[in-house]
């Protein structure tokens, strides 16, 4: 069982990661618009970062609200 300090810390991390997801979405939009049909290395780098952030969000969300089968 987590104490309130741990929960608060996880919630702050979750908030930061969600902001980072939004920032990466904006970067991806810009990368797509700036290319004339050719995706560059930056697009794939940003996409990879976004996937890593998404995985971290899922992990933290699972820690905050575990699936308990009773």
Protein backbone atom coordinates (compact mmCIF):
# COMPACT_ATOMS: atom_id res chain seq x y z
CA UNK A 1 0.00 0.00 0.00
CA UNK A 2 1.27 3.46 -0.91
CA UNK A 3 1.40 6.35 1.48
CA UNK A 4 -0.03 9.72 0.52
CA UNK A 5 3.41 11.17 -0.24
CA UNK A 6 4.10 8.46 -2.78
CA UNK A 7 0.69 8.95 -4.37
CA UNK A 8 1.26 12.70 -4.60
CA UNK A 9 4.67 12.14 -6.16
CA UNK A 10 3.24 9.74 -8.73
CA UNK A 11 0.44 12.17 -9.55
CA UNK A 12 2.99 14.95 -10.11
CA UNK A 13 5.04 12.67 -12.38
CA UNK A 14 1.87 11.74 -14.26
CA UNK A 15 1.01 15.40 -14.74
CA UNK A 16 4.50 16.17 -16.10
CA UNK A 17 4.38 13.20 -18.45
CA UNK A 18 0.98 14.22 -19.80
CA UNK A 19 2.32 17.72 -20.51
CA UNK A 20 5.32 16.14 -22.22
CA UNK A 21 2.92 14.05 -24.34
CA UNK A 22 1.12 17.20 -25.44
CA UNK A 23 4.42 18.91 -26.27
CA UNK A 24 5.53 15.89 -28.31
CA UNK A 25 2.19 15.88 -30.16
CA UNK A 26 2.80 19.50 -31.16
CA UNK A 27 6.34 18.67 -32.27
CA UNK A 28 5.04 15.76 -34.34
CA UNK A 29 2.46 18.00 -36.01
CA UNK A 30 5.19 20.47 -36.86
CA UNK A 31 7.49 17.75 -38.19
CA UNK A 32 4.75 16.37 -40.44
CA UNK A 33 3.80 19.81 -41.77
CA UNK A 34 7.40 20.88 -42.42
CA UNK A 35 8.19 17.86 -44.60
CA UNK A 36 7.08 17.66 -48.19
CA UNK A 37 6.05 14.01 -48.25
CA UNK A 38 9.35 12.76 -46.81
CA UNK A 39 9.54 11.85 -43.13
CA UNK A 40 12.86 12.66 -41.57
CA UNK A 41 14.80 11.29 -38.64
CA UNK A 42 13.30 13.87 -36.25
CA UNK A 43 9.80 12.51 -36.86
CA UNK A 44 10.82 8.99 -35.84
CA UNK A 45 12.83 10.26 -32.86
CA UNK A 46 9.85 12.26 -31.57
CA UNK A 47 7.51 9.33 -32.20
CA UNK A 48 9.80 7.04 -30.17
CA UNK A 49 9.91 9.56 -27.31
CA UNK A 50 6.12 9.83 -27.38
CA UNK A 51 5.78 6.04 -27.15
CA UNK A 52 8.21 5.91 -24.22
CA UNK A 53 6.26 8.64 -22.40
CA UNK A 54 3.00 6.80 -23.10
CA UNK A 55 4.46 3.63 -21.58
CA UNK A 56 5.53 5.55 -18.47
CA UNK A 57 2.04 7.07 -18.15
CA UNK A 58 0.46 3.62 -18.37
CA UNK A 59 2.85 2.26 -15.73
CA UNK A 60 2.20 5.10 -13.28
CA UNK A 61 -1.54 4.99 -13.91
CA UNK A 62 -1.45 1.27 -13.09
CA UNK A 63 0.41 1.97 -9.86
CA UNK A 64 -2.18 4.55 -8.84
CA UNK A 65 -5.19 2.43 -9.78
CA UNK A 66 -4.24 -1.24 -9.76
CA UNK A 67 -6.64 -3.82 -11.17
CA UNK A 68 -7.67 -5.84 -8.16
CA UNK A 69 -9.63 -8.96 -8.91
CA UNK A 70 -11.43 -10.07 -5.77
